[in-house]
Amino acid sequence: MVKSKVYGCSVEVTIGVIGGKWKSVVLYHLTKERVIRFGELRRLLPNVTAQMLTSQLRELEADGVVHRKVYPQVPPKVEYSLTPFGNSLAPIIRAMASWGESYASDKRKRISLVPK
């Protein structure tokens, strides 16, 4: 029997899907690249372990946000992309990126972003 989740408000639902240290960053890169292989995600997120990245991608896939395509070859080739439902998060992720850039640009915050 599968237990259903109960949330207090809709923001809690959103955070439940995109929350976590790496999910929103993965989504950010997928909104920019459209299709990314696992190895490329590892390069884009050098501070995440392979196990954590796999876990976050599986959760995003289970929530219907990310599509995982496996090619039947050796070595295995796996690509990730946003589902149409996942694409509906793009404006939210872009707004988060914009807010982060504004916040980081405030010199009093002592925050720096890696140059693009």
N, C-alpha and C. Protein backbone atom coordinates (compact mmCIF):
# COMPACT_ATOMS: atom_id res chain seq x y z
N MET A 1 0.84 -1.18 0.00
CA MET A 1 0.00 0.00 0.00
C MET A 1 0.88 1.24 0.00
N VAL A 2 0.61 2.16 -0.92
CA VAL A 2 1.39 3.38 -1.04
C VAL A 2 0.74 4.46 -0.20
N LYS A 3 1.55 5.07 0.65
CA LYS A 3 1.03 6.17 1.46
C LYS A 3 1.04 7.45 0.65
N SER A 4 -0.02 8.24 0.73
CA SER A 4 -0.03 9.53 0.06
C SER A 4 0.56 10.57 0.99
N LYS A 5 1.18 11.58 0.40
CA LYS A 5 1.80 12.65 1.17
C LYS A 5 0.75 13.73 1.43
N VAL A 6 0.85 14.33 2.59
CA VAL A 6 -0.06 15.42 2.95
C VAL A 6 0.78 16.66 3.16
N TYR A 7 0.42 17.74 2.49
CA TYR A 7 1.16 19.00 2.58
C TYR A 7 0.28 20.08 3.17
N GLY A 8 0.93 21.02 3.84
CA GLY A 8 0.21 22.12 4.47
C GLY A 8 -0.20 23.21 3.51
N CYS A 9 0.58 23.39 2.43
CA CYS A 9 0.23 24.41 1.43
C CYS A 9 0.92 24.07 0.12
N SER A 10 0.57 24.79 -0.93
CA SER A 10 1.10 24.50 -2.26
C SER A 10 2.60 24.80 -2.38
N VAL A 11 3.09 25.77 -1.61
CA VAL A 11 4.53 26.05 -1.64
C VAL A 11 5.30 24.85 -1.10
N GLU A 12 4.76 24.20 -0.10
CA GLU A 12 5.39 23.01 0.46
C GLU A 12 5.46 21.90 -0.59
N VAL A 13 4.45 21.80 -1.43
CA VAL A 13 4.45 20.81 -2.51
C VAL A 13 5.59 21.12 -3.49
N THR A 14 5.70 22.38 -3.89
CA THR A 14 6.75 22.80 -4.82
C THR A 14 8.13 22.51 -4.25
N ILE A 15 8.35 22.87 -2.99
CA ILE A 15 9.63 22.61 -2.35
C ILE A 15 9.88 21.11 -2.24
N GLY A 16 8.83 20.34 -2.04
CA GLY A 16 8.96 18.89 -1.99
C GLY A 16 9.49 18.31 -3.30
N VAL A 17 9.14 18.95 -4.42
CA VAL A 17 9.58 18.47 -5.73
C VAL A 17 10.96 19.01 -6.10
N ILE A 18 11.19 20.32 -5.91
CA ILE A 18 12.45 20.92 -6.36
C ILE A 18 13.43 21.19 -5.23
N GLY A 19 13.03 20.90 -3.99
CA GLY A 19 13.90 21.14 -2.85
C GLY A 19 15.03 20.14 -2.78
N GLY A 20 15.92 20.37 -1.88
CA GLY A 20 17.13 19.54 -1.80
C GLY A 20 18.28 20.35 -2.34
N LYS A 21 19.46 19.98 -1.95
CA LYS A 21 20.63 20.78 -2.29
C LYS A 21 20.90 20.84 -3.79
N TRP A 22 20.60 19.81 -4.54
CA TRP A 22 21.03 19.74 -5.93
C TRP A 22 19.92 19.75 -6.97
N LYS A 23 18.69 19.46 -6.59
CA LYS A 23 17.62 19.35 -7.58
C LYS A 23 17.42 20.62 -8.39
N SER A 24 17.32 21.75 -7.73
CA SER A 24 17.08 23.00 -8.46
C SER A 24 18.26 23.35 -9.35
N VAL A 25 19.48 22.98 -8.95
CA VAL A 25 20.66 23.24 -9.78
C VAL A 25 20.63 22.34 -11.02
N VAL A 26 20.26 21.10 -10.84
CA VAL A 26 20.10 20.18 -11.98
C VAL A 26 19.05 20.74 -12.93
N LEU A 27 17.92 21.17 -12.39
CA LEU A 27 16.86 21.74 -13.23
C LEU A 27 17.33 22.99 -13.96
N TYR A 28 18.12 23.81 -13.29
CA TYR A 28 18.67 25.02 -13.92
C TYR A 28 19.48 24.63 -15.16
N HIS A 29 20.36 23.66 -15.02
CA HIS A 29 21.18 23.25 -16.16
C HIS A 29 20.34 22.60 -17.26
N LEU A 30 19.32 21.86 -16.88
CA LEU A 30 18.45 21.25 -17.89
C LEU A 30 17.61 22.29 -18.63
N THR A 31 17.28 23.40 -17.98
CA THR A 31 16.54 24.46 -18.69
C THR A 31 17.44 25.16 -19.70
N LYS A 32 18.74 25.14 -19.47
CA LYS A 32 19.69 25.77 -20.38
C LYS A 32 20.13 24.85 -21.51
N GLU A 33 20.35 23.57 -21.20
CA GLU A 33 20.95 22.65 -22.17
C GLU A 33 19.94 21.75 -22.89
N ARG A 34 18.79 21.54 -22.33
CA ARG A 34 17.73 20.68 -22.87
C ARG A 34 18.01 19.20 -22.70
N VAL A 35 19.19 18.71 -23.08
CA VAL A 35 19.55 17.30 -22.89
C VAL A 35 20.97 17.26 -22.34
N ILE A 36 21.15 16.54 -21.24
CA ILE A 36 22.47 16.45 -20.62
C ILE A 36 22.73 15.00 -20.23
N ARG A 37 23.94 14.56 -20.51
CA ARG A 37 24.36 13.23 -20.09
C ARG A 37 24.83 13.29 -18.64
N PHE A 38 24.82 12.13 -17.98
CA PHE A 38 25.18 12.07 -16.56
C PHE A 38 26.58 12.63 -16.31
N GLY A 39 27.55 12.27 -17.14
CA GLY A 39 28.92 12.75 -16.97
C GLY A 39 29.02 14.26 -17.06
N GLU A 40 28.23 14.85 -17.94
CA GLU A 40 28.24 16.31 -18.07
C GLU A 40 27.65 16.96 -16.81
N LEU A 41 26.60 16.36 -16.27
CA LEU A 41 26.05 16.89 -15.01
C LEU A 41 27.11 16.82 -13.91
N ARG A 42 27.88 15.75 -13.87
CA ARG A 42 28.95 15.63 -12.87
C ARG A 42 29.96 16.76 -13.03
N ARG A 43 30.29 17.10 -14.28
CA ARG A 43 31.24 18.20 -14.51
C ARG A 43 30.64 19.55 -14.13
N LEU A 44 29.35 19.72 -14.38
CA LEU A 44 28.68 20.98 -14.03
C LEU A 44 28.49 21.14 -12.53
N LEU A 45 28.43 20.02 -11.81
CA LEU A 45 28.23 20.02 -10.36
C LEU A 45 29.39 19.29 -9.69
N PRO A 46 30.57 19.90 -9.65
CA PRO A 46 31.75 19.18 -9.16
C PRO A 46 31.70 18.82 -7.68
N ASN A 47 30.84 19.45 -6.90
CA ASN A 47 30.79 19.19 -5.46
C ASN A 47 29.77 18.13 -5.06
N VAL A 48 29.07 17.56 -6.04
CA VAL A 48 28.08 16.53 -5.73
C VAL A 48 28.69 15.15 -6.00
N THR A 49 28.37 14.21 -5.15
CA THR A 49 28.85 12.84 -5.38
C THR A 49 27.97 12.18 -6.43
N ALA A 50 28.50 11.16 -7.07
CA ALA A 50 27.73 10.42 -8.07
C ALA A 50 26.48 9.80 -7.44
N GLN A 51 26.63 9.30 -6.22
CA GLN A 51 25.49 8.69 -5.53
C GLN A 51 24.39 9.72 -5.25
N MET A 52 24.77 10.91 -4.79
CA MET A 52 23.77 11.95 -4.51
C MET A 52 23.12 12.42 -5.79
N LEU A 53 23.90 12.63 -6.84
CA LEU A 53 23.33 13.07 -8.11
C LEU A 53 22.36 12.03 -8.64
N THR A 54 22.72 10.77 -8.58
CA THR A 54 21.82 9.70 -9.01
C THR A 54 20.53 9.72 -8.21
N SER A 55 20.64 9.88 -6.91
CA SER A 55 19.46 9.93 -6.05
C SER A 55 18.55 11.10 -6.41
N GLN A 56 19.14 12.28 -6.60
CA GLN A 56 18.35 13.46 -6.94
C GLN A 56 17.67 13.29 -8.30
N LEU A 57 18.40 12.73 -9.27
CA LEU A 57 17.82 12.51 -10.59
C LEU A 57 16.68 11.49 -10.53
N ARG A 58 16.84 10.45 -9.73
CA ARG A 58 15.77 9.45 -9.59
C ARG A 58 14.52 10.06 -8.99
N GLU A 59 14.70 10.92 -7.99
CA GLU A 59 13.54 11.59 -7.37
C GLU A 59 12.85 12.51 -8.37
N LEU A 60 13.63 13.25 -9.15
CA LEU A 60 13.04 14.13 -10.16
C LEU A 60 12.31 13.32 -11.23
N GLU A 61 12.87 12.17 -11.57
CA GLU A 61 12.22 11.28 -12.54
C GLU A 61 10.92 10.71 -11.96
N ALA A 62 10.96 10.29 -10.71
CA ALA A 62 9.78 9.73 -10.05
C ALA A 62 8.66 10.76 -9.94
N ASP A 63 9.04 12.03 -9.78
CA ASP A 63 8.05 13.10 -9.69
C ASP A 63 7.55 13.57 -11.05
N GLY A 64 8.07 12.98 -12.12
CA GLY A 64 7.60 13.32 -13.46
C GLY A 64 8.18 14.60 -14.02
N VAL A 65 9.29 15.05 -13.47
CA VAL A 65 9.90 16.32 -13.87
C VAL A 65 11.02 16.09 -14.89
N VAL A 66 11.74 14.99 -14.74
CA VAL A 66 12.88 14.67 -15.59
C VAL A 66 12.64 13.36 -16.31
N HIS A 67 13.05 13.33 -17.58
CA HIS A 67 12.97 12.10 -18.38
C HIS A 67 14.39 11.53 -18.49
N ARG A 68 14.50 10.23 -18.30
CA ARG A 68 15.78 9.52 -18.40
C ARG A 68 15.71 8.59 -19.60
N LYS A 69 16.64 8.78 -20.53
CA LYS A 69 16.69 7.93 -21.72
C LYS A 69 17.98 7.13 -21.70
N VAL A 70 17.83 5.81 -21.73
CA VAL A 70 18.99 4.91 -21.71
C VAL A 70 19.14 4.31 -23.10
N TYR A 71 20.34 4.41 -23.64
CA TYR A 71 20.64 3.82 -24.94
C TYR A 71 21.25 2.44 -24.73
N PRO A 72 20.80 1.44 -25.47
CA PRO A 72 21.30 0.07 -25.29
C PRO A 72 22.66 -0.12 -25.97
N GLN A 73 23.69 0.34 -25.30
CA GLN A 73 25.03 0.21 -25.85
C GLN A 73 26.02 0.03 -24.71
N VAL A 74 27.24 -0.35 -25.05
CA VAL A 74 28.29 -0.51 -24.05
C VAL A 74 29.44 0.42 -24.45
N PRO A 75 29.88 1.29 -23.57
CA PRO A 75 29.34 1.54 -22.23
C PRO A 75 27.98 2.22 -22.33
N PRO A 76 27.18 2.13 -21.26
CA PRO A 76 25.84 2.70 -21.31
C PRO A 76 25.87 4.21 -21.51
N LYS A 77 24.91 4.68 -22.27
CA LYS A 77 24.74 6.11 -22.51
C LYS A 77 23.38 6.49 -21.95
N VAL A 78 23.36 7.46 -21.04
CA VAL A 78 22.11 7.90 -20.41
C VAL A 78 22.00 9.40 -20.58
N GLU A 79 20.85 9.85 -21.05
CA GLU A 79 20.59 11.28 -21.22
C GLU A 79 19.41 11.69 -20.37
N TYR A 80 19.48 12.90 -19.85
CA TYR A 80 18.40 13.46 -19.05
C TYR A 80 17.87 14.71 -19.72
N SER A 81 16.56 14.87 -19.65
CA SER A 81 15.91 16.07 -20.18
C SER A 81 14.68 16.35 -19.34
N LEU A 82 14.14 17.54 -19.51
CA LEU A 82 12.92 17.89 -18.79
C LEU A 82 11.72 17.31 -19.52
N THR A 83 10.75 16.84 -18.77
CA THR A 83 9.47 16.45 -19.35
C THR A 83 8.69 17.73 -19.63
N PRO A 84 7.59 17.65 -20.37
CA PRO A 84 6.77 18.85 -20.53
C PRO A 84 6.34 19.43 -19.18
N PHE A 85 6.03 18.56 -18.23
CA PHE A 85 5.68 19.01 -16.89
C PHE A 85 6.88 19.70 -16.23
N GLY A 86 8.07 19.13 -16.43
CA GLY A 86 9.29 19.73 -15.89
C GLY A 86 9.57 21.08 -16.52
N ASN A 87 9.27 21.22 -17.81
CA ASN A 87 9.45 22.51 -18.48
C ASN A 87 8.60 23.60 -17.87
N SER A 88 7.49 23.23 -17.24
CA SER A 88 6.64 24.24 -16.61
C SER A 88 7.34 24.88 -15.40
N LEU A 89 8.42 24.24 -14.92
CA LEU A 89 9.21 24.81 -13.82
C LEU A 89 10.24 25.83 -14.31
N ALA A 90 10.48 25.91 -15.62
CA ALA A 90 11.52 26.79 -16.16
C ALA A 90 11.38 28.25 -15.69
N PRO A 91 10.18 28.85 -15.73
CA PRO A 91 10.09 30.24 -15.26
C PRO A 91 10.44 30.39 -13.78
N ILE A 92 10.12 29.39 -12.99
CA ILE A 92 10.45 29.43 -11.56
C ILE A 92 11.96 29.34 -11.37
N ILE A 93 12.60 28.43 -12.09
CA ILE A 93 14.05 28.26 -11.99
C ILE A 93 14.76 29.51 -12.49
N ARG A 94 14.29 30.09 -13.59
CA ARG A 94 14.90 31.33 -14.10
C ARG A 94 14.74 32.47 -13.10
N ALA A 95 13.58 32.55 -12.46
CA ALA A 95 13.36 33.59 -11.44
C ALA A 95 14.31 33.38 -10.25
N MET A 96 14.53 32.13 -9.87
CA MET A 96 15.46 31.84 -8.78
C MET A 96 16.88 32.27 -9.17
N ALA A 97 17.27 32.00 -10.43
CA ALA A 97 18.61 32.38 -10.90
C ALA A 97 18.75 33.90 -10.90
N SER A 98 17.74 34.59 -11.37
CA SER A 98 17.78 36.05 -11.41
C SER A 98 17.87 36.64 -10.00
N TRP A 99 17.08 36.11 -9.10
CA TRP A 99 17.12 36.58 -7.72
C TRP A 99 18.50 36.33 -7.11
N GLY A 100 19.06 35.16 -7.36
CA GLY A 100 20.39 34.82 -6.85
C GLY A 100 21.47 35.75 -7.38
N GLU A 101 21.38 36.10 -8.67
CA GLU A 101 22.34 37.04 -9.25
C GLU A 101 22.22 38.41 -8.58
N SER A 102 21.00 38.87 -8.37
CA SER A 102 20.79 40.16 -7.70
C SER A 102 21.31 40.13 -6.28
N TYR A 103 21.04 39.08 -5.58
CA TYR A 103 21.48 38.94 -4.20
C TYR A 103 23.01 38.91 -4.12
N ALA A 104 23.62 38.15 -5.03
CA ALA A 104 25.08 38.03 -5.03
C ALA A 104 25.76 39.33 -5.43
N SER A 105 25.07 40.17 -6.20
CA SER A 105 25.69 41.42 -6.64
C SER A 105 25.76 42.46 -5.52
N ASP A 106 25.06 42.25 -4.43
CA ASP A 106 25.12 43.15 -3.28
C ASP A 106 26.45 42.90 -2.56
N LYS A 107 27.35 43.85 -2.66
CA LYS A 107 28.71 43.68 -2.11
C LYS A 107 28.71 43.41 -0.61
N ARG A 108 27.69 43.85 0.08
CA ARG A 108 27.62 43.61 1.53
C ARG A 108 27.41 42.14 1.87
N LYS A 109 26.94 41.35 0.91
CA LYS A 109 26.63 39.94 1.16
C LYS A 109 27.89 39.07 1.16
N ARG A 110 28.97 39.55 0.56
CA ARG A 110 30.23 38.79 0.48
C ARG A 110 30.03 37.43 -0.18
N ILE A 111 29.30 37.46 -1.28
CA ILE A 111 29.03 36.25 -2.05
C ILE A 111 29.59 36.48 -3.46
N SER A 112 30.16 35.45 -4.04
CA SER A 112 30.62 35.57 -5.42
C SER A 112 30.11 34.38 -6.22
N LEU A 113 29.87 34.66 -7.48
CA LEU A 113 29.45 33.61 -8.41
C LEU A 113 30.62 33.28 -9.32
N VAL A 114 30.73 32.03 -9.74
CA VAL A 114 31.75 31.64 -10.69
C VAL A 114 31.42 32.32 -12.00
N PRO A 115 32.37 32.96 -12.65
CA PRO A 115 32.10 33.61 -13.94
C PRO A 115 31.56 32.61 -14.96
N LYS A 116 30.66 33.08 -15.79
CA LYS A 116 30.04 32.21 -16.81
C LYS A 116 30.98 31.99 -17.96
